[in-house]
Amino acid sequence: MTKLLKRLEARIVRLYYRHTNERAWRGHINPAINTSTLVIPADPAPITARMYHGSADKPLIVFFHGGGWVIGDLDTHHPYCARLSHTTGCTVMSIDYRLAPEHPWPAAHDDCYAATRWIIDNLNKLAPNNGRLVLAGDSAGGNLAGSTAIRIGRDPRLAGNLLIYPACEHYSAGLPSYREHARSRPLTAPVMRWFVDMYLAGTAPADPSLDTLFFGKRRDWRGFAPTLIITAERDPIRDDGKRLAQSLRQSGVAISSHHYSDEAHGFAVSEGPTEAFQRALQQVTDWLDTLTNSSSASSIQRTPLDNQQYGVSP
């Protein structure tokens, strides 16, 4: 496929995603939240971010939108970010990173790291926060959040990671969920493979440079910040998040993982304010409260969230 055809195909899919997202959220966008636009200096080009202003006693959430590194933008995820800020009380900063195929690997990852590095260095100059931040994202955004956390390393200002059905394995890994939910909508296995191939642009899955993209098999997680992982059953990348949660837990990371056995990919962010969406958002809020109220990761680990409270399985 020529570059021109790839770009045309990506633009069509972006338009469709924007349409479905607008339809799902029509009449449910919170209009009361205070927002502002920020331009973050970066190389090769500045990065635009949208801030949703919250409270000074909460961590700042750096949010990376999903969409397979190909689709999605500040507007498609505006309803979720507004709800997230309004419900949790946190300032949310949504990052408008570069997309494939116009900007293939590692453009999105480099943008997210550069933006986060700048935000950490300027926390006291930004919208209200308590001097700490949480990296968050859904799907490919969950991948970007986890990858950025790995690159940031041990920094006391990084309070935690929120990974919502994260994509963190190449499809060639052969995880069962790719087969079991190959045709589950809204995300199918062929579409996920299309996203990955579009972003990699010919880079081989075994290339060592992809270690921070496909980090699901990472062995050493020592020092990784407390993490909340949410997964959905009807999702070809279900096992990405479940395997990651197991690996983090085995490494002693303070991990809360929650599996929604009746939901599909997208339910927690993109499908509108359903009952399951509300449960997941409350779960995120409670987890963030543990980060705010606990003085150490070990105290968070001793007080895990109660799965039964939310009607989900571990």
Protein backbone atom coordinates (compact mmCIF):
# COMPACT_ATOMS: atom_id res chain seq x y z
CA MET A 1 0.00 0.00 0.00
CA THR A 2 1.45 3.38 -0.97
CA LYS A 3 1.93 6.14 1.59
CA LEU A 4 -0.88 8.14 0.02
CA LEU A 5 -3.34 5.25 0.28
CA LYS A 6 -2.33 4.58 3.88
CA ARG A 7 -2.95 8.19 4.82
CA LEU A 8 -6.29 8.23 3.04
CA GLU A 9 -7.37 5.03 4.80
CA ALA A 10 -6.29 6.42 8.19
CA ARG A 11 -8.24 9.64 7.62
CA ILE A 12 -11.41 7.71 6.79
CA VAL A 13 -11.09 5.61 9.94
CA ARG A 14 -10.45 8.75 12.01
CA LEU A 15 -13.63 10.35 10.70
CA TYR A 16 -15.62 7.22 11.51
CA TYR A 17 -14.18 7.04 15.03
CA ARG A 18 -14.99 10.69 15.69
CA HIS A 19 -18.55 10.11 14.50
CA THR A 20 -19.13 7.06 16.69
CA ASN A 21 -17.57 8.79 19.68
CA GLU A 22 -19.72 11.89 19.26
CA ARG A 23 -22.83 9.73 18.96
CA ALA A 24 -21.98 7.77 22.12
CA TRP A 25 -21.42 10.91 24.20
CA ARG A 26 -24.11 13.18 22.71
CA GLY A 27 -25.90 14.99 25.53
CA HIS A 28 -23.55 13.67 28.22
CA ILE A 29 -20.53 15.98 28.08
CA ASN A 30 -19.85 17.81 31.34
CA PRO A 31 -19.91 21.54 30.43
CA ALA A 32 -18.81 22.83 33.83
CA ILE A 33 -15.15 21.83 33.78
CA ASN A 34 -12.58 24.62 33.33
CA THR A 35 -10.15 23.91 30.48
CA SER A 36 -7.18 25.63 28.87
CA THR A 37 -4.75 24.86 26.07
CA LEU A 38 -1.02 24.52 26.59
CA VAL A 39 1.76 24.21 24.02
CA ILE A 40 4.69 22.14 25.29
CA PRO A 41 8.10 22.84 23.72
CA ALA A 42 9.52 19.71 22.10
CA ASP A 43 11.64 18.49 19.23
CA PRO A 44 10.86 18.20 16.32
CA ALA A 45 7.65 20.16 16.95
CA PRO A 46 5.70 21.60 19.90
CA ILE A 47 3.09 19.34 21.50
CA THR A 48 -0.40 20.61 22.24
CA ALA A 49 -2.10 19.62 25.49
CA ARG A 50 -5.54 20.34 26.92
CA MET A 51 -5.74 20.95 30.68
CA TYR A 52 -8.81 20.23 32.77
CA HIS A 53 -8.31 22.17 35.97
CA GLY A 54 -8.69 20.32 39.26
CA SER A 55 -7.69 20.54 42.91
CA ALA A 56 -4.36 21.41 44.52
CA ASP A 57 -4.53 18.40 46.86
CA LYS A 58 -4.67 15.81 44.04
CA PRO A 59 -2.05 14.45 41.63
CA LEU A 60 -2.02 15.72 38.06
CA ILE A 61 -3.11 13.07 35.55
CA VAL A 62 -1.21 13.00 32.25
CA PHE A 63 -3.59 11.28 29.83
CA PHE A 64 -2.73 9.64 26.50
CA HIS A 65 -5.72 8.87 24.29
CA GLY A 66 -6.28 5.50 22.64
CA GLY A 67 -6.81 4.72 18.98
CA GLY A 68 -4.04 2.34 17.95
CA TRP A 69 -1.46 5.15 17.51
CA VAL A 70 -3.44 5.99 14.33
CA ILE A 71 -6.79 7.52 15.33
CA GLY A 72 -8.13 9.52 18.27
CA ASP A 73 -7.35 13.06 19.38
CA LEU A 74 -8.04 15.64 22.08
CA ASP A 75 -11.68 15.97 21.00
CA THR A 76 -12.55 12.26 20.81
CA HIS A 77 -11.39 11.85 24.41
CA HIS A 78 -12.64 15.20 25.68
CA PRO A 79 -15.82 13.73 27.23
CA TYR A 80 -13.84 11.16 29.19
CA CYS A 81 -11.14 13.57 30.34
CA ALA A 82 -13.79 16.05 31.48
CA ARG A 83 -15.56 13.33 33.48
CA LEU A 84 -12.26 12.06 34.86
CA SER A 85 -11.28 15.51 36.12
CA HIS A 86 -14.75 16.34 37.44
CA THR A 87 -15.19 13.03 39.29
CA THR A 88 -11.69 12.62 40.71
CA GLY A 89 -10.96 16.28 41.39
CA CYS A 90 -7.61 15.91 39.59
CA THR A 91 -6.18 18.24 37.02
CA VAL A 92 -6.00 16.22 33.78
CA MET A 93 -3.61 17.06 30.97
CA SER A 94 -4.53 15.35 27.69
CA ILE A 95 -1.63 15.05 25.23
CA ASP A 96 -2.04 15.49 21.47
CA TYR A 97 0.80 13.25 20.25
CA ARG A 98 1.66 12.58 16.60
CA LEU A 99 -0.18 9.77 14.79
CA ALA A 100 0.76 7.12 12.23
CA PRO A 101 1.01 6.61 9.31
CA GLU A 102 2.14 10.22 8.89
CA HIS A 103 4.41 9.76 11.91
CA PRO A 104 5.30 6.07 12.51
CA TRP A 105 7.16 4.49 15.43
CA PRO A 106 8.60 5.92 17.61
CA ALA A 107 6.94 9.34 17.10
CA ALA A 108 3.99 8.86 19.48
CA HIS A 109 6.21 7.38 22.19
CA ASP A 110 8.80 10.12 21.85
CA ASP A 111 6.11 12.81 22.07
CA CYS A 112 4.55 11.30 25.18
CA TYR A 113 7.89 10.96 26.91
CA ALA A 114 8.95 14.50 25.98
CA ALA A 115 5.64 15.95 27.17
CA THR A 116 5.79 14.03 30.45
CA ARG A 117 9.39 15.01 31.09
CA TRP A 118 8.48 18.68 30.60
CA ILE A 119 5.38 18.36 32.81
CA ILE A 120 7.41 16.78 35.63
CA ASP A 121 9.95 19.58 35.43
CA ASN A 122 7.23 22.25 35.50
CA LEU A 123 4.65 20.77 37.91
CA ASN A 124 4.72 23.78 40.22
CA LYS A 125 3.90 26.12 37.32
CA LEU A 126 0.90 24.20 35.97
CA ALA A 127 -2.76 23.94 36.94
CA PRO A 128 -3.42 22.92 40.58
CA ASN A 129 -1.79 19.67 41.73
CA ASN A 130 -0.08 18.23 44.81
CA GLY A 131 3.37 17.96 43.22
CA ARG A 132 2.90 14.42 41.90
CA LEU A 133 1.47 12.95 38.70
CA VAL A 134 -0.21 9.83 37.38
CA LEU A 135 0.34 8.51 33.86
CA ALA A 136 -2.89 7.26 32.29
CA GLY A 137 -4.28 6.05 29.00
CA ASP A 138 -6.66 3.65 27.27
CA SER A 139 -5.69 0.96 24.75
CA ALA A 140 -2.76 2.36 22.74
CA GLY A 141 -2.80 5.21 25.26
CA GLY A 142 -2.31 2.63 28.00
CA ASN A 143 0.68 1.39 26.07
CA LEU A 144 2.03 4.94 25.86
CA ALA A 145 1.50 5.47 29.58
CA GLY A 146 3.29 2.25 30.54
CA SER A 147 6.14 2.87 28.10
CA THR A 148 6.58 6.42 29.34
CA ALA A 149 6.67 5.19 32.94
CA ILE A 150 9.45 2.76 32.01
CA ARG A 151 11.47 5.54 30.39
CA ILE A 152 10.90 7.95 33.28
CA GLY A 153 12.19 5.37 35.75
CA ARG A 154 12.24 5.93 39.49
CA ASP A 155 11.01 9.45 40.08
CA PRO A 156 9.30 10.30 43.40
CA ARG A 157 6.94 12.65 41.57
CA LEU A 158 5.44 9.74 39.60
CA ALA A 159 2.68 8.52 41.93
CA GLY A 160 1.08 5.81 39.78
CA ASN A 161 0.00 4.44 36.42
CA LEU A 162 -3.57 3.96 35.19
CA LEU A 163 -3.64 1.48 32.29
CA ILE A 164 -7.07 0.87 30.77
CA TYR A 165 -7.11 -2.26 28.56
CA PRO A 166 -3.51 -1.53 27.53
CA ALA A 167 -1.96 -2.88 24.32
CA CYS A 168 1.48 -4.15 25.31
CA GLU A 169 2.16 -7.24 23.15
CA HIS A 170 2.70 -7.70 19.40
CA TYR A 171 -0.11 -9.71 17.80
CA SER A 172 2.42 -12.40 16.84
CA ALA A 173 2.71 -13.32 20.55
CA GLY A 174 -0.26 -15.64 19.97
CA LEU A 175 -2.22 -14.74 23.11
CA PRO A 176 -5.56 -16.63 23.35
CA SER A 177 -7.70 -13.49 23.40
CA TYR A 178 -6.67 -12.66 19.82
CA ARG A 179 -8.29 -15.93 18.76
CA GLU A 180 -11.21 -16.05 21.22
CA HIS A 181 -12.32 -12.49 20.51
CA ALA A 182 -11.07 -12.01 16.97
CA ARG A 183 -14.47 -10.68 15.86
CA SER A 184 -15.61 -9.00 19.04
CA ARG A 185 -16.62 -5.41 18.44
CA PRO A 186 -15.81 -2.56 18.51
CA LEU A 187 -12.17 -3.74 18.33
CA THR A 188 -11.49 -6.83 16.23
CA ALA A 189 -8.21 -8.71 15.87
CA PRO A 190 -7.81 -7.65 12.19
CA VAL A 191 -8.27 -3.99 13.14
CA MET A 192 -5.72 -4.31 15.95
CA ARG A 193 -3.23 -5.87 13.54
CA TRP A 194 -3.90 -3.00 11.12
CA PHE A 195 -3.12 -0.48 13.88
CA VAL A 196 0.13 -2.20 14.80
CA ASP A 197 1.31 -2.56 11.22
CA MET A 198 0.41 1.05 10.45
CA TYR A 199 2.45 2.29 13.41
CA LEU A 200 5.46 -0.01 12.92
CA ALA A 201 5.69 0.87 9.21
CA GLY A 202 7.84 -2.17 8.46
CA THR A 203 9.87 -2.37 11.68
CA ALA A 204 10.23 -6.07 12.52
CA PRO A 205 8.61 -7.25 15.78
CA ALA A 206 11.95 -8.67 16.96
CA ASP A 207 13.75 -5.34 16.57
CA PRO A 208 15.39 -4.51 19.94
CA SER A 209 14.21 -0.91 19.65
CA LEU A 210 10.65 -2.11 20.26
CA ASP A 211 11.35 -3.18 23.85
CA THR A 212 9.59 -0.07 25.18
CA LEU A 213 6.64 -0.58 22.82
CA PHE A 214 5.92 -4.28 23.46
CA PHE A 215 6.82 -4.40 27.15
CA GLY A 216 4.44 -7.16 28.24
CA LYS A 217 7.27 -9.68 28.62
CA ARG A 218 9.45 -7.35 30.67
CA ARG A 219 10.95 -9.21 33.63
CA ASP A 220 12.31 -6.54 35.98
CA TRP A 221 9.60 -4.19 37.27
CA ARG A 222 11.39 -3.14 40.45
CA GLY A 223 10.69 0.49 41.25
CA PHE A 224 7.60 0.67 39.00
CA ALA A 225 4.96 2.94 40.50
CA PRO A 226 1.65 1.60 41.90
CA THR A 227 -0.56 0.61 38.97
CA LEU A 228 -4.25 0.08 38.25
CA ILE A 229 -5.03 -2.12 35.23
CA ILE A 230 -8.57 -2.48 33.87
CA THR A 231 -9.36 -5.15 31.27
CA ALA A 232 -12.48 -6.24 29.36
CA GLU A 233 -13.45 -9.78 28.38
CA ARG A 234 -14.66 -9.18 24.82
CA ASP A 235 -11.37 -7.71 23.66
CA PRO A 236 -8.60 -9.19 21.49
CA ILE A 237 -6.02 -7.47 23.72
CA ARG A 238 -7.64 -8.76 26.93
CA ASP A 239 -4.61 -10.95 27.66
CA ASP A 240 -2.14 -8.10 27.14
CA GLY A 241 -3.38 -6.42 30.29
CA LYS A 242 -3.94 -9.61 32.26
CA ARG A 243 -0.42 -10.90 31.55
CA LEU A 244 1.04 -7.50 32.44
CA ALA A 245 -0.84 -7.44 35.75
CA GLN A 246 0.51 -10.88 36.60
CA SER A 247 4.07 -9.87 35.75
CA LEU A 248 3.84 -6.71 37.87
CA ARG A 249 2.37 -8.63 40.78
CA GLN A 250 5.14 -11.23 40.65
CA SER A 251 7.70 -8.41 40.78
CA GLY A 252 6.14 -6.99 43.93
CA VAL A 253 4.63 -3.88 42.35
CA ALA A 254 1.61 -2.43 44.16
CA ILE A 255 -0.95 -3.57 41.59
CA SER A 256 -4.74 -3.45 41.43
CA SER A 257 -6.11 -5.32 38.42
CA HIS A 258 -9.80 -5.58 37.59
CA HIS A 259 -11.42 -7.57 34.82
CA TYR A 260 -14.91 -6.75 33.51
CA SER A 261 -16.26 -10.09 32.37
CA ASP A 262 -19.34 -8.70 30.57
CA GLU A 263 -17.75 -5.76 28.74
CA ALA A 264 -15.95 -5.09 25.47
CA HIS A 265 -12.99 -2.94 24.51
CA GLY A 266 -13.88 0.74 24.80
CA PHE A 267 -16.46 0.47 27.59
CA ALA A 268 -14.43 2.42 30.17
CA VAL A 269 -13.68 5.46 28.01
CA SER A 270 -15.28 5.62 24.56
CA GLU A 271 -18.78 4.13 24.73
CA GLY A 272 -20.55 6.85 26.71
CA PRO A 273 -21.68 6.93 30.36
CA THR A 274 -23.00 3.38 30.68
CA GLU A 275 -23.39 1.64 34.03
CA ALA A 276 -20.09 -0.19 33.52
CA PHE A 277 -18.40 3.09 32.64
CA GLN A 278 -19.64 4.61 35.90
CA ARG A 279 -18.33 1.62 37.89
CA ALA A 280 -14.92 1.84 36.25
CA LEU A 281 -14.71 5.59 36.82
CA GLN A 282 -15.59 5.15 40.50
CA GLN A 283 -12.94 2.46 40.71
CA VAL A 284 -10.36 4.85 39.26
CA THR A 285 -11.45 7.54 41.71
CA ASP A 286 -11.07 5.24 44.71
CA TRP A 287 -7.66 4.06 43.52
CA LEU A 288 -6.47 7.64 43.08
CA ASP A 289 -7.64 8.36 46.61
CA THR A 290 -5.37 5.59 47.89
CA LEU A 291 -2.45 7.28 46.15
CA THR A 292 -3.34 10.62 47.68
CA ASN A 293 -3.98 9.30 51.18
CA SER A 294 -1.17 6.73 51.47
CA SER A 295 2.37 7.70 52.29
CA SER A 296 4.02 4.69 50.60
CA ALA A 297 3.44 2.06 47.93
CA SER A 298 3.45 -0.66 50.58
CA SER A 299 0.48 0.86 52.35
CA ILE A 300 -1.39 0.90 49.05
CA GLN A 301 -0.59 -2.77 48.52
CA ARG A 302 -1.95 -3.67 51.96
CA THR A 303 -5.31 -2.08 51.17
CA PRO A 304 -6.36 -3.41 47.73
CA LEU A 305 -9.63 -2.39 46.18
CA ASP A 306 -12.53 -4.76 46.72
CA ASN A 307 -13.45 -6.38 43.40
CA GLN A 308 -16.88 -7.42 44.62
CA GLN A 309 -17.78 -3.81 45.36
CA TYR A 310 -17.71 -3.10 41.62
CA GLY A 311 -19.12 -6.39 40.35
CA VAL A 312 -15.93 -7.33 38.52
CA SER A 313 -13.52 -10.24 38.74
CA PRO A 314 -9.78 -10.12 39.54
